[in-house]
Amino acid sequence: MCIKIIKEYERAIIFRLGRILKGGAKGPGLFFVLPCTDSFIKVDMRTISFDIPPQEILTKDSVTVNVDGVVYYRVQNATLAVANITNADSATRLLAQTTLRNVLGTKSLSEILSDREEIAHSMQVTLDEATDNWGIKVERVEIKDVKLPIQLQRAMAAEAEAAREARAKVIAAEGEMNASRALKEASIVITESPAALQLRYLQTLTTIAAEKNSTIVFPLPINILQGLLGQTTGRKAQV
């Protein structure tokens, strides 16, 4: 009898005379095997990740894109992973590629670009169901990159630029409209109060003088001059 040791993250499937021993996988720790009649296979129970190679996919709206992704899975039943499939890892990788093509083939380009999380979840559910009989648990699927044809990228960039220009024109038009309303309201106030026009005139001159560092000479309004002359004449008459 031989003593074998299995690590914490491993399980051992023991075959005796070609049959799997009852009781399922052994480990972690010590177990015993018979030298002549027993053999065993170690199975790693840790989570494994692999990249899905870029797949050329024709979308629902007839656009060709290249998409890749990543899959995270682990063995949850070591006995099934050994007895029901020759190579669980290789089979899971191939199935992930076909699942990616099948799922994205039913989506339009806009859905692929905007609904990555939903697509990844759909792939995870499909893969998990397909690999359940192999003792595999698919924990997570992620869509990594979506590559578009160069011509389509340029067309989308031009469309986005046109949309930005259109929004800028709308904002500028709204600003001009608001400015026109403000000018209209100001003209009404000035019309009702001539003194307000004079105050605005003086304020503008003060601003210009401060910016240019210069002195501005402007004529005295005739009504003020007449008032001053009238006061002077009255004083002389009294004398």
Foldseek 3Di string as FASTA:
>chain_A
DDKDAADPQKWKFKAFQRHTDPPATDDHTIDDDDPPGMDIDMFGFDKDKDKQAWDFEQAPVGFTKTWIKMWIKGQQGVVLLVPVDPHLVVVLNVVLNVLLRVLRNDHDPVCVVPVQVVSFVVSQVVSQVVCVSNRMHTDTMGTDDIGGDPVVVVVVVVVVVVVVVVVVVVVVVVVVVVVVVVVVVVVVVCVVPVVVVVVVVVVVVVVVCVVVVDDDDDDDDPVVVVVVVVVVVVVVVVD
